[in-house]
Amino acid sequence: MLFMVLNTDKADTGSLREDTRPPHVEYLKSMGEKLRLAGPWLAEDNQTAIGSLWIVEAADKAAAEALAQADPFAQAGLFESTTVFPWRRALGAGIDSY
């Protein structure tokens, strides 16, 4: 089952995000095929990361939440909030029908 993980950064944590990025990226890479998509969402300047979005495959919501909690960004206290939703791919490249 797919889940969307939406993380919102705490205010004024740009340096924490930058310092913690290398272990965060390694963690995401370690997920292998469980991680379907990941990337930061940006402030209006189109440069400053203010959160992140993942699409992950997990057995259930608790497993997806555990993946999110194990992220080095989460461990470092970067996020103001993390929300996990079930997600279904409906449209986009490689999908024949809705």
PDB file of N, CA and C in Angstrom:
ATOM      1  N   MET A   1       0.844  -1.170   0.000  1.00  0.00           N
ATOM      2  CA  MET A   1       0.000   0.000   0.000  1.00  0.00           C
ATOM      3  C   MET A   1       0.895   1.241   0.000  1.00  0.00           C
ATOM      4  N   LEU A   2       0.437   2.265  -0.710  1.00  0.00           N
ATOM      5  CA  LEU A   2       1.213   3.499  -0.784  1.00  0.00           C
ATOM      6  C   LEU A   2       0.722   4.521   0.236  1.00  0.00           C
ATOM      7  N   PHE A   3       1.676   5.306   0.731  1.00  0.00           N
ATOM      8  CA  PHE A   3       1.384   6.364   1.694  1.00  0.00           C
ATOM      9  C   PHE A   3       2.127   7.625   1.297  1.00  0.00           C
ATOM     10  N   MET A   4       1.487   8.764   1.534  1.00  0.00           N
ATOM     11  CA  MET A   4       2.113  10.065   1.366  1.00  0.00           C
ATOM     12  C   MET A   4       2.559  10.520   2.747  1.00  0.00           C
ATOM     13  N   VAL A   5       3.806  10.909   2.857  1.00  0.00           N
ATOM     14  CA  VAL A   5       4.352  11.456   4.098  1.00  0.00           C
ATOM     15  C   VAL A   5       4.641  12.929   3.839  1.00  0.00           C
ATOM     16  N   LEU A   6       3.960  13.788   4.578  1.00  0.00           N
ATOM     17  CA  LEU A   6       4.121  15.230   4.415  1.00  0.00           C
ATOM     18  C   LEU A   6       4.753  15.792   5.687  1.00  0.00           C
ATOM     19  N   ASN A   7       5.971  16.294   5.560  1.00  0.00           N
ATOM     20  CA  ASN A   7       6.718  16.875   6.676  1.00  0.00           C
ATOM     21  C   ASN A   7       6.781  18.384   6.506  1.00  0.00           C
ATOM     22  N   THR A   8       6.492  19.113   7.564  1.00  0.00           N
ATOM     23  CA  THR A   8       6.596  20.566   7.568  1.00  0.00           C
ATOM     24  C   THR A   8       7.716  20.961   8.516  1.00  0.00           C
ATOM     25  N   ASP A   9       8.696  21.724   8.009  1.00  0.00           N
ATOM     26  CA  ASP A   9       9.830  22.145   8.836  1.00  0.00           C
ATOM     27  C   ASP A   9       9.398  23.167   9.888  1.00  0.00           C
ATOM     28  N   LYS A  10      10.100  23.149  11.008  1.00  0.00           N
ATOM     29  CA  LYS A  10       9.963  24.233  11.978  1.00  0.00           C
ATOM     30  C   LYS A  10      10.564  25.495  11.361  1.00  0.00           C
ATOM     31  N   ALA A  11      10.133  26.645  11.841  1.00  0.00           N
ATOM     32  CA  ALA A  11      10.664  27.916  11.345  1.00  0.00           C
ATOM     33  C   ALA A  11      12.148  28.043  11.683  1.00  0.00           C
ATOM     34  N   ASP A  12      12.878  28.696  10.816  1.00  0.00           N
ATOM     35  CA  ASP A  12      14.289  29.031  11.040  1.00  0.00           C
ATOM     36  C   ASP A  12      15.160  27.811  11.319  1.00  0.00           C
ATOM     37  N   THR A  13      14.962  26.741  10.539  1.00  0.00           N
ATOM     38  CA  THR A  13      15.764  25.528  10.722  1.00  0.00           C
ATOM     39  C   THR A  13      16.574  25.186   9.472  1.00  0.00           C
ATOM     40  N   GLY A  14      16.824  26.198   8.639  1.00  0.00           N
ATOM     41  CA  GLY A  14      17.573  25.959   7.407  1.00  0.00           C
ATOM     42  C   GLY A  14      18.935  25.343   7.637  1.00  0.00           C
ATOM     43  N   SER A  15      19.650  25.810   8.660  1.00  0.00           N
ATOM     44  CA  SER A  15      20.984  25.251   8.911  1.00  0.00           C
ATOM     45  C   SER A  15      20.886  23.817   9.429  1.00  0.00           C
ATOM     46  N   LEU A  16      19.886  23.514  10.232  1.00  0.00           N
ATOM     47  CA  LEU A  16      19.684  22.138  10.699  1.00  0.00           C
ATOM     48  C   LEU A  16      19.383  21.225   9.517  1.00  0.00           C
ATOM     49  N   ARG A  17      18.549  21.673   8.597  1.00  0.00           N
ATOM     50  CA  ARG A  17      18.235  20.895   7.394  1.00  0.00           C
ATOM     51  C   ARG A  17      19.511  20.649   6.590  1.00  0.00           C
ATOM     52  N   GLU A  18      20.286  21.688   6.382  1.00  0.00           N
ATOM     53  CA  GLU A  18      21.516  21.571   5.591  1.00  0.00           C
ATOM     54  C   GLU A  18      22.515  20.618   6.255  1.00  0.00           C
ATOM     55  N   ASP A  19      22.691  20.748   7.571  1.00  0.00           N
ATOM     56  CA  ASP A  19      23.648  19.916   8.301  1.00  0.00           C
ATOM     57  C   ASP A  19      23.233  18.442   8.333  1.00  0.00           C
ATOM     58  N   THR A  20      21.935  18.191   8.347  1.00  0.00           N
ATOM     59  CA  THR A  20      21.415  16.829   8.487  1.00  0.00           C
ATOM     60  C   THR A  20      21.115  16.188   7.140  1.00  0.00           C
ATOM     61  N   ARG A  21      21.238  16.934   6.058  1.00  0.00           N
ATOM     62  CA  ARG A  21      20.875  16.422   4.741  1.00  0.00           C
ATOM     63  C   ARG A  21      21.652  15.166   4.327  1.00  0.00           C
ATOM     64  N   PRO A  22      22.974  15.087   4.503  1.00  0.00           N
ATOM     65  CA  PRO A  22      23.674  13.869   4.052  1.00  0.00           C
ATOM     66  C   PRO A  22      23.139  12.573   4.679  1.00  0.00           C
ATOM     67  N   PRO A  23      22.962  12.486   6.008  1.00  0.00           N
ATOM     68  CA  PRO A  23      22.398  11.234   6.536  1.00  0.00           C
ATOM     69  C   PRO A  23      20.938  11.021   6.128  1.00  0.00           C
ATOM     70  N   HIS A  24      20.197  12.103   5.940  1.00  0.00           N
ATOM     71  CA  HIS A  24      18.814  11.997   5.461  1.00  0.00           C
ATOM     72  C   HIS A  24      18.777  11.355   4.075  1.00  0.00           C
ATOM     73  N   VAL A  25      19.623  11.836   3.168  1.00  0.00           N
ATOM     74  CA  VAL A  25      19.665  11.292   1.811  1.00  0.00           C
ATOM     75  C   VAL A  25      20.078   9.820   1.841  1.00  0.00           C
ATOM     76  N   GLU A  26      21.055   9.482   2.652  1.00  0.00           N
ATOM     77  CA  GLU A  26      21.472   8.079   2.768  1.00  0.00           C
ATOM     78  C   GLU A  26      20.339   7.209   3.298  1.00  0.00           C
ATOM     79  N   TYR A  27      19.590   7.728   4.260  1.00  0.00           N
ATOM     80  CA  TYR A  27      18.441   6.991   4.792  1.00  0.00           C
ATOM     81  C   TYR A  27      17.415   6.742   3.690  1.00  0.00           C
ATOM     82  N   LEU A  28      17.091   7.782   2.931  1.00  0.00           N
ATOM     83  CA  LEU A  28      16.122   7.604   1.850  1.00  0.00           C
ATOM     84  C   LEU A  28      16.617   6.571   0.841  1.00  0.00           C
ATOM     85  N   LYS A  29      17.885   6.638   0.477  1.00  0.00           N
ATOM     86  CA  LYS A  29      18.448   5.668  -0.464  1.00  0.00           C
ATOM     87  C   LYS A  29      18.364   4.245   0.093  1.00  0.00           C
ATOM     88  N   SER A  30      18.509   4.100   1.399  1.00  0.00           N
ATOM     89  CA  SER A  30      18.481   2.771   2.016  1.00  0.00           C
ATOM     90  C   SER A  30      17.097   2.122   1.947  1.00  0.00           C
ATOM     91  N   MET A  31      16.062   2.896   1.681  1.00  0.00           N
ATOM     92  CA  MET A  31      14.708   2.347   1.573  1.00  0.00           C
ATOM     93  C   MET A  31      14.520   1.532   0.303  1.00  0.00           C
ATOM     94  N   GLY A  32      15.387   1.722  -0.680  1.00  0.00           N
ATOM     95  CA  GLY A  32      15.263   0.980  -1.930  1.00  0.00           C
ATOM     96  C   GLY A  32      13.929   1.246  -2.604  1.00  0.00           C
ATOM     97  N   GLU A  33      13.275   0.180  -3.046  1.00  0.00           N
ATOM     98  CA  GLU A  33      12.034   0.320  -3.805  1.00  0.00           C
ATOM     99  C   GLU A  33      10.840   0.727  -2.950  1.00  0.00           C
ATOM    100  N   LYS A  34      10.970   0.711  -1.628  1.00  0.00           N
ATOM    101  CA  LYS A  34       9.880   1.206  -0.769  1.00  0.00           C
ATOM    102  C   LYS A  34       9.631   2.694  -1.014  1.00  0.00           C
ATOM    103  N   LEU A  35      10.705   3.409  -1.336  1.00  0.00           N
ATOM    104  CA  LEU A  35      10.589   4.847  -1.580  1.00  0.00           C
ATOM    105  C   LEU A  35      10.263   5.058  -3.052  1.00  0.00           C
ATOM    106  N   ARG A  36       9.074   5.555  -3.327  1.00  0.00           N
ATOM    107  CA  ARG A  36       8.635   5.761  -4.699  1.00  0.00           C
ATOM    108  C   ARG A  36       8.957   7.157  -5.202  1.00  0.00           C
ATOM    109  N   LEU A  37       8.978   8.135  -4.278  1.00  0.00           N
ATOM    110  CA  LEU A  37       9.176   9.520  -4.662  1.00  0.00           C
ATOM    111  C   LEU A  37       9.533  10.303  -3.407  1.00  0.00           C
ATOM    112  N   ALA A  38      10.436  11.257  -3.530  1.00  0.00           N
ATOM    113  CA  ALA A  38      10.758  12.108  -2.375  1.00  0.00           C
ATOM    114  C   ALA A  38      11.359  13.410  -2.863  1.00  0.00           C
ATOM    115  N   GLY A  39      11.085  14.462  -2.124  1.00  0.00           N
ATOM    116  CA  GLY A  39      11.688  15.742  -2.440  1.00  0.00           C
ATOM    117  C   GLY A  39      11.169  16.826  -1.522  1.00  0.00           C
ATOM    118  N   PRO A  40      11.896  17.943  -1.473  1.00  0.00           N
ATOM    119  CA  PRO A  40      11.475  19.055  -0.620  1.00  0.00           C
ATOM    120  C   PRO A  40      10.345  19.836  -1.264  1.00  0.00           C
ATOM    121  N   TRP A  41       9.518  20.430  -0.442  1.00  0.00           N
ATOM    122  CA  TRP A  41       8.619  21.452  -0.971  1.00  0.00           C
ATOM    123  C   TRP A  41       9.193  22.781  -0.568  1.00  0.00           C
ATOM    124  N   LEU A  42       8.928  23.781  -1.399  1.00  0.00           N
ATOM    125  CA  LEU A  42       9.699  25.018  -1.368  1.00  0.00           C
ATOM    126  C   LEU A  42       8.858  26.232  -0.989  1.00  0.00           C
ATOM    127  N   ALA A  43       9.555  27.229  -0.427  1.00  0.00           N
ATOM    128  CA  ALA A  43       8.953  28.527  -0.141  1.00  0.00           C
ATOM    129  C   ALA A  43       8.701  29.253  -1.464  1.00  0.00           C
ATOM    130  N   GLU A  44       8.058  30.375  -1.382  1.00  0.00           N
ATOM    131  CA  GLU A  44       7.721  31.163  -2.569  1.00  0.00           C
ATOM    132  C   GLU A  44       8.942  31.586  -3.387  1.00  0.00           C
ATOM    133  N   ASP A  45      10.131  31.578  -2.776  1.00  0.00           N
ATOM    134  CA  ASP A  45      11.329  31.943  -3.527  1.00  0.00           C
ATOM    135  C   ASP A  45      11.814  30.828  -4.455  1.00  0.00           C
ATOM    136  N   ASN A  46      11.141  29.677  -4.418  1.00  0.00           N
ATOM    137  CA  ASN A  46      11.489  28.505  -5.228  1.00  0.00           C
ATOM    138  C   ASN A  46      12.885  27.962  -4.943  1.00  0.00           C
ATOM    139  N   GLN A  47      13.454  28.309  -3.806  1.00  0.00           N
ATOM    140  CA  GLN A  47      14.799  27.870  -3.426  1.00  0.00           C
ATOM    141  C   GLN A  47      14.841  27.247  -2.035  1.00  0.00           C
ATOM    142  N   THR A  48      14.135  27.853  -1.099  1.00  0.00           N
ATOM    143  CA  THR A  48      14.231  27.474   0.304  1.00  0.00           C
ATOM    144  C   THR A  48      13.304  26.306   0.622  1.00  0.00           C
ATOM    145  N   ALA A  49      13.890  25.182   1.064  1.00  0.00           N
ATOM    146  CA  ALA A  49      13.084  24.031   1.467  1.00  0.00           C
ATOM    147  C   ALA A  49      12.382  24.341   2.789  1.00  0.00           C
ATOM    148  N   ILE A  50      11.081  24.062   2.831  1.00  0.00           N
ATOM    149  CA  ILE A  50      10.301  24.302   4.047  1.00  0.00           C
ATOM    150  C   ILE A  50       9.551  23.045   4.497  1.00  0.00           C
ATOM    151  N   GLY A  51       9.857  21.952   3.861  1.00  0.00           N
ATOM    152  CA  GLY A  51       9.229  20.680   4.216  1.00  0.00           C
ATOM    153  C   GLY A  51       9.616  19.640   3.193  1.00  0.00           C
ATOM    154  N   SER A  52       9.004  18.477   3.299  1.00  0.00           N
ATOM    155  CA  SER A  52       9.294  17.428   2.334  1.00  0.00           C
ATOM    156  C   SER A  52       8.072  16.552   2.120  1.00  0.00           C
ATOM    157  N   LEU A  53       8.060  15.917   0.965  1.00  0.00           N
ATOM    158  CA  LEU A  53       6.994  15.012   0.571  1.00  0.00           C
ATOM    159  C   LEU A  53       7.619  13.708   0.123  1.00  0.00           C
ATOM    160  N   TRP A  54       7.088  12.609   0.625  1.00  0.00           N
ATOM    161  CA  TRP A  54       7.509  11.282   0.181  1.00  0.00           C
ATOM    162  C   TRP A  54       6.277  10.510  -0.233  1.00  0.00           C
ATOM    163  N   ILE A  55       6.465   9.588  -1.142  1.00  0.00           N
ATOM    164  CA  ILE A  55       5.501   8.526  -1.395  1.00  0.00           C
ATOM    165  C   ILE A  55       6.260   7.234  -1.090  1.00  0.00           C
ATOM    166  N   VAL A  56       5.743   6.461  -0.144  1.00  0.00           N
ATOM    167  CA  VAL A  56       6.409   5.227   0.279  1.00  0.00           C
ATOM    168  C   VAL A  56       5.442   4.054   0.221  1.00  0.00           C
ATOM    169  N   GLU A  57       6.002   2.889   0.009  1.00  0.00           N
ATOM    170  CA  GLU A  57       5.247   1.645   0.087  1.00  0.00           C
ATOM    171  C   GLU A  57       5.481   1.067   1.475  1.00  0.00           C
ATOM    172  N   ALA A  58       4.390   0.732   2.147  1.00  0.00           N
ATOM    173  CA  ALA A  58       4.479   0.153   3.485  1.00  0.00           C
ATOM    174  C   ALA A  58       3.288  -0.779   3.697  1.00  0.00           C
ATOM    175  N   ALA A  59       3.432  -1.703   4.613  1.00  0.00           N
ATOM    176  CA  ALA A  59       2.373  -2.673   4.887  1.00  0.00           C
ATOM    177  C   ALA A  59       1.115  -2.001   5.415  1.00  0.00           C
ATOM    178  N   ASP A  60       1.295  -0.958   6.215  1.00  0.00           N
ATOM    179  CA  ASP A  60       0.166  -0.247   6.801  1.00  0.00           C
ATOM    180  C   ASP A  60       0.634   1.132   7.264  1.00  0.00           C
ATOM    181  N   LYS A  61      -0.302   1.919   7.784  1.00  0.00           N
ATOM    182  CA  LYS A  61       0.025   3.285   8.185  1.00  0.00           C
ATOM    183  C   LYS A  61       1.080   3.304   9.294  1.00  0.00           C
ATOM    184  N   ALA A  62       0.999   2.382  10.228  1.00  0.00           N
ATOM    185  CA  ALA A  62       1.987   2.337  11.315  1.00  0.00           C
ATOM    186  C   ALA A  62       3.397   2.112  10.769  1.00  0.00           C
ATOM    187  N   ALA A  63       3.529   1.268   9.767  1.00  0.00           N
ATOM    188  CA  ALA A  63       4.849   1.019   9.165  1.00  0.00           C
ATOM    189  C   ALA A  63       5.349   2.261   8.430  1.00  0.00           C
ATOM    190  N   ALA A  64       4.459   2.968   7.749  1.00  0.00           N
ATOM    191  CA  ALA A  64       4.846   4.210   7.073  1.00  0.00           C
ATOM    192  C   ALA A  64       5.266   5.261   8.100  1.00  0.00           C
ATOM    193  N   GLU A  65       4.528   5.358   9.199  1.00  0.00           N
ATOM    194  CA  GLU A  65       4.886   6.305  10.264  1.00  0.00           C
ATOM    195  C   GLU A  65       6.245   5.956  10.870  1.00  0.00           C
ATOM    196  N   ALA A  66       6.535   4.665  11.017  1.00  0.00           N
ATOM    197  CA  ALA A  66       7.833   4.244  11.555  1.00  0.00           C
ATOM    198  C   ALA A  66       8.963   4.656  10.622  1.00  0.00           C
ATOM    199  N   LEU A  67       8.754   4.524   9.300  1.00  0.00           N
ATOM    200  CA  LEU A  67       9.761   4.987   8.339  1.00  0.00           C
ATOM    201  C   LEU A  67      10.001   6.479   8.499  1.00  0.00           C
ATOM    202  N   ALA A  68       8.928   7.241   8.649  1.00  0.00           N
ATOM    203  CA  ALA A  68       9.045   8.692   8.798  1.00  0.00           C
ATOM    204  C   ALA A  68       9.782   9.056  10.079  1.00  0.00           C
ATOM    205  N   GLN A  69       9.490   8.377  11.170  1.00  0.00           N
ATOM    206  CA  GLN A  69      10.110   8.687  12.459  1.00  0.00           C
ATOM    207  C   GLN A  69      11.596   8.335  12.489  1.00  0.00           C
ATOM    208  N   ALA A  70      12.007   7.377  11.664  1.00  0.00           N
ATOM    209  CA  ALA A  70      13.415   6.962  11.633  1.00  0.00           C
ATOM    210  C   ALA A  70      14.288   7.875  10.768  1.00  0.00           C
ATOM    211  N   ASP A  71      13.674   8.777  10.027  1.00  0.00           N
ATOM    212  CA  ASP A  71      14.406   9.713   9.171  1.00  0.00           C
ATOM    213  C   ASP A  71      15.326  10.586  10.028  1.00  0.00           C
ATOM    214  N   PRO A  72      16.591  10.737   9.644  1.00  0.00           N
ATOM    215  CA  PRO A  72      17.486  11.621  10.391  1.00  0.00           C
ATOM    216  C   PRO A  72      16.961  13.053  10.556  1.00  0.00           C
ATOM    217  N   PHE A  73      16.220  13.565   9.579  1.00  0.00           N
ATOM    218  CA  PHE A  73      15.602  14.884   9.749  1.00  0.00           C
ATOM    219  C   PHE A  73      14.653  14.872  10.951  1.00  0.00           C
ATOM    220  N   ALA A  74      13.814  13.847  11.045  1.00  0.00           N
ATOM    221  CA  ALA A  74      12.879  13.741  12.172  1.00  0.00           C
ATOM    222  C   ALA A  74      13.637  13.563  13.478  1.00  0.00           C
ATOM    223  N   GLN A  75      14.643  12.717  13.464  1.00  0.00           N
ATOM    224  CA  GLN A  75      15.446  12.458  14.672  1.00  0.00           C
ATOM    225  C   GLN A  75      16.133  13.735  15.176  1.00  0.00           C
ATOM    226  N   ALA A  76      16.502  14.618  14.245  1.00  0.00           N
ATOM    227  CA  ALA A  76      17.186  15.868  14.603  1.00  0.00           C
ATOM    228  C   ALA A  76      16.221  16.955  15.077  1.00  0.00           C
ATOM    229  N   GLY A  77      14.914  16.707  14.953  1.00  0.00           N
ATOM    230  CA  GLY A  77      13.938  17.692  15.402  1.00  0.00           C
ATOM    231  C   GLY A  77      13.627  18.765  14.366  1.00  0.00           C
ATOM    232  N   LEU A  78      13.843  18.473  13.090  1.00  0.00           N
ATOM    233  CA  LEU A  78      13.614  19.461  12.038  1.00  0.00           C
ATOM    234  C   LEU A  78      12.141  19.783  11.835  1.00  0.00           C
ATOM    235  N   PHE A  79      11.272  18.793  12.022  1.00  0.00           N
ATOM    236  CA  PHE A  79       9.889  18.959  11.605  1.00  0.00           C
ATOM    237  C   PHE A  79       8.976  19.514  12.695  1.00  0.00           C
ATOM    238  N   GLU A  80       8.138  20.444  12.273  1.00  0.00           N
ATOM    239  CA  GLU A  80       7.047  20.936  13.116  1.00  0.00           C
ATOM    240  C   GLU A  80       5.934  19.900  13.150  1.00  0.00           C
ATOM    241  N   SER A  81       5.703  19.262  11.996  1.00  0.00           N
ATOM    242  CA  SER A  81       4.661  18.240  11.918  1.00  0.00           C
ATOM    243  C   SER A  81       4.993  17.228  10.837  1.00  0.00           C
ATOM    244  N   THR A  82       4.477  16.033  11.027  1.00  0.00           N
ATOM    245  CA  THR A  82       4.547  14.968  10.037  1.00  0.00           C
ATOM    246  C   THR A  82       3.159  14.352   9.955  1.00  0.00           C
ATOM    247  N   THR A  83       2.645  14.260   8.740  1.00  0.00           N
ATOM    248  CA  THR A  83       1.334  13.665   8.533  1.00  0.00           C
ATOM    249  C   THR A  83       1.482  12.554   7.508  1.00  0.00           C
ATOM    250  N   VAL A  84       0.860  11.415   7.790  1.00  0.00           N
ATOM    251  CA  VAL A  84       0.916  10.260   6.897  1.00  0.00           C
ATOM    252  C   VAL A  84      -0.512   9.942   6.449  1.00  0.00           C
ATOM    253  N   PHE A  85      -0.693   9.876   5.119  1.00  0.00           N
ATOM    254  CA  PHE A  85      -1.994   9.582   4.534  1.00  0.00           C
ATOM    255  C   PHE A  85      -1.878   8.373   3.605  1.00  0.00           C
ATOM    256  N   PRO A  86      -2.887   7.509   3.552  1.00  0.00           N
ATOM    257  CA  PRO A  86      -2.915   6.521   2.471  1.00  0.00           C
ATOM    258  C   PRO A  86      -3.004   7.279   1.145  1.00  0.00           C
ATOM    259  N   TRP A  87      -2.388   6.736   0.109  1.00  0.00           N
ATOM    260  CA  TRP A  87      -2.330   7.433  -1.172  1.00  0.00           C
ATOM    261  C   TRP A  87      -2.508   6.427  -2.297  1.00  0.00           C
ATOM    262  N   ARG A  88      -3.202   6.844  -3.343  1.00  0.00           N
ATOM    263  CA  ARG A  88      -3.396   6.001  -4.522  1.00  0.00           C
ATOM    264  C   ARG A  88      -3.010   6.792  -5.760  1.00  0.00           C
ATOM    265  N   ARG A  89      -2.150   6.222  -6.553  1.00  0.00           N
ATOM    266  CA  ARG A  89      -1.768   6.832  -7.824  1.00  0.00           C
ATOM    267  C   ARG A  89      -2.921   6.664  -8.792  1.00  0.00           C
ATOM    268  N   ALA A  90      -3.374   7.768  -9.383  1.00  0.00           N
ATOM    269  CA  ALA A  90      -4.520   7.710 -10.273  1.00  0.00           C
ATOM    270  C   ALA A  90      -4.204   8.181 -11.692  1.00  0.00           C
ATOM    271  N   LEU A  91      -3.407   9.213 -11.828  1.00  0.00           N
ATOM    272  CA  LEU A  91      -3.088   9.755 -13.147  1.00  0.00           C
ATOM    273  C   LEU A  91      -1.613  10.101 -13.216  1.00  0.00           C
ATOM    274  N   GLY A  92      -1.075  10.113 -14.408  1.00  0.00           N
ATOM    275  CA  GLY A  92       0.308  10.489 -14.616  1.00  0.00           C
ATOM    276  C   GLY A  92       0.986   9.588 -15.626  1.00  0.00           C
ATOM    277  N   ALA A  93       2.235   9.849 -15.848  1.00  0.00           N
ATOM    278  CA  ALA A  93       3.002   9.075 -16.811  1.00  0.00           C
ATOM    279  C   ALA A  93       2.968   7.583 -16.466  1.00  0.00           C
ATOM    280  N   GLY A  94       2.706   6.768 -17.433  1.00  0.00           N
ATOM    281  CA  GLY A  94       2.705   5.316 -17.242  1.00  0.00           C
ATOM    282  C   GLY A  94       1.403   4.747 -16.716  1.00  0.00           C
ATOM    283  N   ILE A  95       0.372   5.580 -16.540  1.00  0.00           N
ATOM    284  CA  ILE A  95      -0.922   5.080 -16.077  1.00  0.00           C
ATOM    285  C   ILE A  95      -1.884   5.163 -17.252  1.00  0.00           C
ATOM    286  N   ASP A  96      -2.504   4.029 -17.585  1.00  0.00           N
ATOM    287  CA  ASP A  96      -3.364   3.957 -18.754  1.00  0.00           C
ATOM    288  C   ASP A  96      -4.772   4.502 -18.520  1.00  0.00           C
ATOM    289  N   SER A  97      -5.276   4.353 -17.303  1.00  0.00           N
ATOM    290  CA  SER A  97      -6.653   4.788 -17.074  1.00  0.00           C
ATOM    291  C   SER A  97      -6.819   5.264 -15.645  1.00  0.00           C
ATOM    292  N   TYR A  98      -7.876   6.006 -15.429  1.00  0.00           N
ATOM    293  CA  TYR A  98      -8.166   6.549 -14.107  1.00  0.00           C
ATOM    294  C   TYR A  98      -9.052   5.618 -13.346  1.00  0.00           C
TER     295      TYR A  98
END
